[in-house]
């Protein structure tokens, strides 16, 4: 139990750090104009560079029978990152993060409507 809690704390810290760094890069005065798409590309590129050696070492080959569904999910994920980085550029980081905390509410509503799950 404590290990999972520690992992969640570390993950939350890392997400907060990533978001703060994205905001810093997007609004640094005097620097080159960098857009949210470029920051998103760098986020995914660095994640891929980190993950590929791990996958090769573990001999894991990602497979799916639902390529279309996976592509839609990946598209929504990448779009959400671009939009949150755009929000970081326009409003204070704390406000964007507070609004992002509404995500579980929308997840629950969509799970009920699209997946037929029961909310308890």
N, C-alpha and C. Protein backbone atom coordinates (compact mmCIF):
# COMPACT_ATOMS: atom_id res chain seq x y z
N UNK A 1 0.83 -1.20 0.00
CA UNK A 1 0.00 0.00 0.00
C UNK A 1 0.87 1.26 0.00
N UNK A 2 1.87 1.29 0.87
CA UNK A 2 2.70 2.49 0.95
C UNK A 2 3.51 2.67 -0.33
N UNK A 3 3.87 1.57 -1.00
CA UNK A 3 4.64 1.67 -2.24
C UNK A 3 3.80 2.33 -3.34
N UNK A 4 2.54 1.92 -3.46
CA UNK A 4 1.66 2.52 -4.46
C UNK A 4 1.44 4.00 -4.15
N UNK A 5 1.30 4.32 -2.88
CA UNK A 5 1.12 5.72 -2.48
C UNK A 5 2.36 6.53 -2.84
N UNK A 6 3.53 5.98 -2.57
CA UNK A 6 4.77 6.67 -2.91
C UNK A 6 4.89 6.87 -4.42
N UNK A 7 4.50 5.87 -5.19
CA UNK A 7 4.54 6.00 -6.65
C UNK A 7 3.58 7.10 -7.13
N UNK A 8 2.41 7.19 -6.54
CA UNK A 8 1.45 8.23 -6.91
C UNK A 8 1.98 9.62 -6.56
N UNK A 9 2.64 9.74 -5.41
CA UNK A 9 3.21 11.03 -5.00
C UNK A 9 4.31 11.44 -5.98
N UNK A 10 5.17 10.50 -6.33
CA UNK A 10 6.26 10.79 -7.27
C UNK A 10 5.69 11.15 -8.64
N UNK A 11 4.68 10.39 -9.11
CA UNK A 11 4.07 10.68 -10.41
C UNK A 11 3.44 12.06 -10.41
N UNK A 12 2.76 12.42 -9.34
CA UNK A 12 2.14 13.74 -9.25
C UNK A 12 3.19 14.83 -9.28
N UNK A 13 4.29 14.62 -8.56
CA UNK A 13 5.39 15.59 -8.57
C UNK A 13 5.97 15.74 -9.98
N UNK A 14 6.16 14.61 -10.67
CA UNK A 14 6.73 14.66 -12.02
C UNK A 14 5.80 15.35 -13.00
N UNK A 15 4.49 15.07 -12.91
CA UNK A 15 3.54 15.76 -13.78
C UNK A 15 3.53 17.26 -13.51
N UNK A 16 3.56 17.64 -12.23
CA UNK A 16 3.58 19.06 -11.89
C UNK A 16 4.84 19.73 -12.42
N UNK A 17 5.97 19.03 -12.30
CA UNK A 17 7.24 19.57 -12.81
C UNK A 17 7.19 19.72 -14.33
N UNK A 18 6.66 18.71 -15.02
CA UNK A 18 6.54 18.79 -16.47
C UNK A 18 5.67 19.97 -16.88
N UNK A 19 4.55 20.15 -16.19
CA UNK A 19 3.66 21.25 -16.52
C UNK A 19 4.31 22.61 -16.25
N UNK A 20 5.01 22.73 -15.14
CA UNK A 20 5.69 23.99 -14.82
C UNK A 20 6.78 24.29 -15.85
N UNK A 21 7.53 23.25 -16.25
CA UNK A 21 8.57 23.45 -17.27
C UNK A 21 7.96 23.84 -18.61
N UNK A 22 6.83 23.23 -18.95
CA UNK A 22 6.15 23.60 -20.21
C UNK A 22 5.74 25.06 -20.17
N UNK A 23 5.17 25.49 -19.06
CA UNK A 23 4.77 26.91 -18.93
C UNK A 23 5.99 27.80 -19.03
N UNK A 24 7.08 27.43 -18.38
CA UNK A 24 8.31 28.23 -18.42
C UNK A 24 8.82 28.38 -19.85
N UNK A 25 8.83 27.27 -20.59
CA UNK A 25 9.31 27.31 -21.97
C UNK A 25 8.38 28.14 -22.85
N UNK A 26 7.08 28.04 -22.60
CA UNK A 26 6.11 28.73 -23.45
C UNK A 26 6.09 30.24 -23.22
N UNK A 27 6.44 30.71 -22.02
CA UNK A 27 6.30 32.14 -21.74
C UNK A 27 7.62 32.84 -21.45
N UNK A 28 8.76 32.17 -21.68
CA UNK A 28 10.05 32.79 -21.39
C UNK A 28 10.22 34.05 -22.24
N UNK A 29 10.34 35.21 -21.61
CA UNK A 29 10.49 36.45 -22.39
C UNK A 29 11.88 36.53 -23.02
N UNK A 30 11.93 37.11 -24.20
CA UNK A 30 13.21 37.31 -24.87
C UNK A 30 13.73 36.08 -25.59
N UNK A 31 13.08 34.96 -25.39
CA UNK A 31 13.51 33.74 -26.06
C UNK A 31 12.82 33.58 -27.40
N UNK A 32 13.17 32.52 -28.09
CA UNK A 32 12.54 32.24 -29.37
C UNK A 32 11.08 31.87 -29.14
N UNK A 33 10.24 32.19 -30.10
CA UNK A 33 8.82 31.84 -30.02
C UNK A 33 8.67 30.32 -30.15
N UNK A 34 8.19 29.70 -29.10
CA UNK A 34 7.98 28.26 -29.11
C UNK A 34 6.50 28.02 -28.87
N UNK A 35 5.88 27.22 -29.71
CA UNK A 35 4.45 26.97 -29.59
C UNK A 35 4.15 25.70 -28.83
N UNK A 36 2.89 25.54 -28.49
CA UNK A 36 2.44 24.38 -27.72
C UNK A 36 2.66 23.08 -28.50
N UNK A 37 2.54 23.14 -29.84
CA UNK A 37 2.78 21.93 -30.63
C UNK A 37 4.24 21.48 -30.53
N UNK A 38 5.16 22.44 -30.54
CA UNK A 38 6.58 22.08 -30.42
C UNK A 38 6.89 21.50 -29.04
N UNK A 39 6.31 22.09 -28.01
CA UNK A 39 6.53 21.58 -26.66
C UNK A 39 5.94 20.18 -26.53
N UNK A 40 4.76 19.97 -27.11
CA UNK A 40 4.13 18.64 -27.07
C UNK A 40 4.98 17.63 -27.82
N UNK A 41 5.50 18.01 -28.99
CA UNK A 41 6.37 17.12 -29.75
C UNK A 41 7.59 16.71 -28.93
N UNK A 42 8.21 17.69 -28.27
CA UNK A 42 9.39 17.39 -27.45
C UNK A 42 9.05 16.50 -26.27
N UNK A 43 7.85 16.69 -25.70
CA UNK A 43 7.42 15.84 -24.59
C UNK A 43 7.32 14.39 -25.04
N UNK A 44 6.65 14.16 -26.17
CA UNK A 44 6.48 12.80 -26.66
C UNK A 44 7.79 12.21 -27.19
N UNK A 45 8.62 13.04 -27.82
CA UNK A 45 9.90 12.55 -28.31
C UNK A 45 10.79 12.11 -27.15
N UNK A 46 10.88 12.93 -26.11
CA UNK A 46 11.71 12.55 -24.97
C UNK A 46 11.16 11.31 -24.27
N UNK A 47 9.83 11.19 -24.21
CA UNK A 47 9.23 9.98 -23.64
C UNK A 47 9.57 8.75 -24.44
N UNK A 48 9.54 8.88 -25.77
CA UNK A 48 9.89 7.76 -26.63
C UNK A 48 11.36 7.39 -26.49
N UNK A 49 12.22 8.39 -26.44
CA UNK A 49 13.66 8.11 -26.29
C UNK A 49 13.93 7.41 -24.97
N UNK A 50 13.20 7.77 -23.92
CA UNK A 50 13.37 7.12 -22.62
C UNK A 50 12.79 5.71 -22.63
N UNK A 51 11.64 5.53 -23.27
CA UNK A 51 10.93 4.27 -23.19
C UNK A 51 11.48 3.18 -24.10
N UNK A 52 11.99 3.55 -25.26
CA UNK A 52 12.49 2.54 -26.20
C UNK A 52 13.54 1.61 -25.61
N UNK A 53 14.59 2.13 -24.95
CA UNK A 53 15.56 1.20 -24.36
C UNK A 53 14.94 0.30 -23.30
N UNK A 54 13.99 0.81 -22.55
CA UNK A 54 13.32 0.00 -21.53
C UNK A 54 12.54 -1.14 -22.19
N UNK A 55 11.81 -0.82 -23.27
CA UNK A 55 11.05 -1.84 -23.99
C UNK A 55 11.98 -2.88 -24.62
N UNK A 56 13.09 -2.42 -25.19
CA UNK A 56 14.05 -3.36 -25.79
C UNK A 56 14.68 -4.25 -24.73
N UNK A 57 15.04 -3.68 -23.59
CA UNK A 57 15.65 -4.45 -22.51
C UNK A 57 14.66 -5.49 -21.96
N UNK A 58 13.41 -5.11 -21.83
CA UNK A 58 12.40 -6.01 -21.29
C UNK A 58 11.83 -6.94 -22.36
N UNK A 59 12.24 -6.73 -23.60
CA UNK A 59 11.77 -7.52 -24.73
C UNK A 59 10.24 -7.49 -24.84
N UNK A 60 9.72 -6.29 -24.73
CA UNK A 60 8.28 -6.07 -24.84
C UNK A 60 7.99 -5.50 -26.22
N UNK A 61 7.07 -6.14 -26.92
CA UNK A 61 6.64 -5.66 -28.23
C UNK A 61 5.19 -5.23 -28.09
N UNK A 62 4.93 -3.91 -28.17
CA UNK A 62 3.54 -3.46 -28.05
C UNK A 62 2.68 -4.03 -29.18
N UNK A 63 1.56 -4.64 -28.81
CA UNK A 63 0.65 -5.22 -29.80
C UNK A 63 -0.78 -4.84 -29.42
N UNK A 64 -1.61 -4.74 -30.43
CA UNK A 64 -3.03 -4.51 -30.19
C UNK A 64 -3.84 -5.09 -31.34
N UNK A 65 -5.03 -5.53 -31.01
CA UNK A 65 -5.96 -5.99 -32.04
C UNK A 65 -6.91 -4.86 -32.43
N UNK A 66 -6.81 -3.76 -31.71
CA UNK A 66 -7.74 -2.64 -31.91
C UNK A 66 -6.96 -1.39 -32.31
N UNK A 67 -6.31 -1.44 -33.45
CA UNK A 67 -5.46 -0.34 -33.89
C UNK A 67 -6.24 0.96 -34.06
N UNK A 68 -7.43 0.89 -34.59
CA UNK A 68 -8.26 2.09 -34.77
C UNK A 68 -8.60 2.74 -33.44
N UNK A 69 -9.03 1.93 -32.48
CA UNK A 69 -9.35 2.46 -31.15
C UNK A 69 -8.11 3.04 -30.49
N UNK A 70 -6.98 2.37 -30.67
CA UNK A 70 -5.74 2.87 -30.09
C UNK A 70 -5.35 4.20 -30.72
N UNK A 71 -5.53 4.32 -32.03
CA UNK A 71 -5.20 5.57 -32.72
C UNK A 71 -6.09 6.71 -32.24
N UNK A 72 -7.38 6.43 -32.04
CA UNK A 72 -8.29 7.46 -31.54
C UNK A 72 -7.87 7.88 -30.13
N UNK A 73 -7.55 6.90 -29.28
CA UNK A 73 -7.11 7.21 -27.91
C UNK A 73 -5.83 8.05 -27.93
N UNK A 74 -4.87 7.67 -28.78
CA UNK A 74 -3.62 8.42 -28.88
C UNK A 74 -3.87 9.83 -29.38
N UNK A 75 -4.77 9.96 -30.33
CA UNK A 75 -5.12 11.29 -30.85
C UNK A 75 -5.74 12.17 -29.78
N UNK A 76 -6.67 11.61 -29.00
CA UNK A 76 -7.26 12.37 -27.91
C UNK A 76 -6.22 12.74 -26.86
N UNK A 77 -5.31 11.80 -26.56
CA UNK A 77 -4.27 12.09 -25.57
C UNK A 77 -3.34 13.21 -26.02
N UNK A 78 -2.88 13.13 -27.26
CA UNK A 78 -2.00 14.18 -27.78
C UNK A 78 -2.73 15.52 -27.86
N UNK A 79 -3.99 15.48 -28.28
CA UNK A 79 -4.77 16.73 -28.34
C UNK A 79 -4.94 17.35 -26.96
N UNK A 80 -5.16 16.52 -25.95
CA UNK A 80 -5.34 17.06 -24.60
C UNK A 80 -4.05 17.71 -24.10
N UNK A 81 -2.91 17.13 -24.44
CA UNK A 81 -1.63 17.72 -24.02
C UNK A 81 -1.41 19.06 -24.71
N UNK A 82 -1.70 19.12 -26.01
CA UNK A 82 -1.56 20.39 -26.73
C UNK A 82 -2.46 21.46 -26.12
N UNK A 83 -3.71 21.08 -25.82
CA UNK A 83 -4.66 22.05 -25.27
C UNK A 83 -4.26 22.50 -23.87
N UNK A 84 -3.76 21.60 -23.04
CA UNK A 84 -3.36 22.02 -21.69
C UNK A 84 -2.14 22.91 -21.78
N UNK A 85 -1.22 22.64 -22.70
CA UNK A 85 -0.06 23.52 -22.86
C UNK A 85 -0.48 24.89 -23.39
N UNK A 86 -1.47 24.93 -24.27
CA UNK A 86 -2.00 26.22 -24.72
C UNK A 86 -2.63 26.97 -23.54
N UNK A 87 -3.35 26.24 -22.69
CA UNK A 87 -3.94 26.87 -21.51
C UNK A 87 -2.87 27.42 -20.59
N UNK A 88 -1.78 26.67 -20.41
CA UNK A 88 -0.68 27.15 -19.57
C UNK A 88 -0.10 28.45 -20.11
N UNK A 89 -0.11 28.59 -21.42
CA UNK A 89 0.42 29.78 -22.06
C UNK A 89 -0.49 30.99 -21.81
N UNK A 90 -1.79 30.76 -21.65
CA UNK A 90 -2.75 31.85 -21.59
C UNK A 90 -3.21 32.23 -20.19
N UNK A 91 -3.25 31.27 -19.28
CA UNK A 91 -3.76 31.56 -17.93
C UNK A 91 -2.75 31.07 -16.90
N UNK A 92 -2.88 31.50 -15.66
CA UNK A 92 -1.94 31.05 -14.62
C UNK A 92 -1.95 29.52 -14.48
N UNK A 93 -0.79 28.98 -14.18
CA UNK A 93 -0.61 27.53 -14.04
C UNK A 93 -1.56 26.94 -13.01
N UNK A 94 -1.75 27.64 -11.89
CA UNK A 94 -2.64 27.14 -10.84
C UNK A 94 -4.08 27.03 -11.33
N UNK A 95 -4.52 28.00 -12.10
CA UNK A 95 -5.90 27.95 -12.63
C UNK A 95 -6.07 26.79 -13.61
N UNK A 96 -5.11 26.63 -14.51
CA UNK A 96 -5.20 25.53 -15.48
C UNK A 96 -5.18 24.18 -14.77
N UNK A 97 -4.36 24.06 -13.75
CA UNK A 97 -4.29 22.80 -13.00
C UNK A 97 -5.59 22.55 -12.25
N UNK A 98 -6.15 23.59 -11.66
CA UNK A 98 -7.42 23.43 -10.94
C UNK A 98 -8.53 22.99 -11.88
N UNK A 99 -8.58 23.57 -13.06
CA UNK A 99 -9.58 23.17 -14.05
C UNK A 99 -9.34 21.73 -14.49
N UNK A 100 -8.08 21.35 -14.64
CA UNK A 100 -7.75 19.98 -15.05
C UNK A 100 -8.21 18.95 -14.01
N UNK A 101 -8.34 19.36 -12.77
CA UNK A 101 -8.81 18.44 -11.73
C UNK A 101 -10.27 18.03 -11.95
N UNK A 102 -10.98 18.69 -12.86
CA UNK A 102 -12.35 18.29 -13.17
C UNK A 102 -12.38 17.08 -14.11
N UNK A 103 -11.24 16.65 -14.58
CA UNK A 103 -11.15 15.52 -15.50
C UNK A 103 -11.85 14.26 -14.99
N UNK A 104 -11.69 13.86 -13.72
CA UNK A 104 -12.40 12.66 -13.26
C UNK A 104 -13.92 12.77 -13.34
N UNK A 105 -14.44 13.97 -13.20
CA UNK A 105 -15.89 14.16 -13.30
C UNK A 105 -16.35 13.85 -14.72
N UNK A 106 -15.63 14.40 -15.71
CA UNK A 106 -15.98 14.14 -17.10
C UNK A 106 -15.74 12.68 -17.47
N UNK A 107 -14.71 12.08 -16.91
CA UNK A 107 -14.43 10.66 -17.15
C UNK A 107 -15.59 9.81 -16.67
N UNK A 108 -16.10 10.11 -15.48
CA UNK A 108 -17.22 9.35 -14.93
C UNK A 108 -18.47 9.52 -15.80
N UNK A 109 -18.76 10.75 -16.19
CA UNK A 109 -19.95 11.00 -17.02
C UNK A 109 -19.85 10.25 -18.35
N UNK A 110 -18.68 10.31 -19.00
CA UNK A 110 -18.50 9.61 -20.27
C UNK A 110 -18.52 8.10 -20.10
N UNK A 111 -18.01 7.60 -18.97
CA UNK A 111 -18.04 6.15 -18.71
C UNK A 111 -19.48 5.66 -18.60
N UNK A 112 -20.32 6.46 -17.98
CA UNK A 112 -21.74 6.10 -17.86
C UNK A 112 -22.41 6.16 -19.24
N UNK A 113 -22.19 7.26 -19.97
CA UNK A 113 -22.87 7.46 -21.23
C UNK A 113 -22.36 6.55 -22.35
N UNK A 114 -21.05 6.40 -22.46
CA UNK A 114 -20.48 5.66 -23.59
C UNK A 114 -20.24 4.18 -23.31
N UNK A 115 -19.89 3.85 -22.06
CA UNK A 115 -19.54 2.48 -21.73
C UNK A 115 -20.62 1.74 -20.96
N UNK A 116 -21.66 2.47 -20.55
CA UNK A 116 -22.74 1.83 -19.82
C UNK A 116 -22.39 1.43 -18.40
N UNK A 117 -21.35 2.01 -17.84
CA UNK A 117 -20.96 1.69 -16.47
C UNK A 117 -21.90 2.35 -15.49
N UNK A 118 -21.96 1.79 -14.29
CA UNK A 118 -22.80 2.35 -13.24
C UNK A 118 -21.93 3.17 -12.30
N UNK A 119 -22.37 4.39 -12.04
CA UNK A 119 -21.64 5.26 -11.12
C UNK A 119 -22.16 5.01 -9.71
N UNK A 120 -21.23 4.82 -8.81
CA UNK A 120 -21.63 4.55 -7.42
C UNK A 120 -21.20 5.64 -6.48
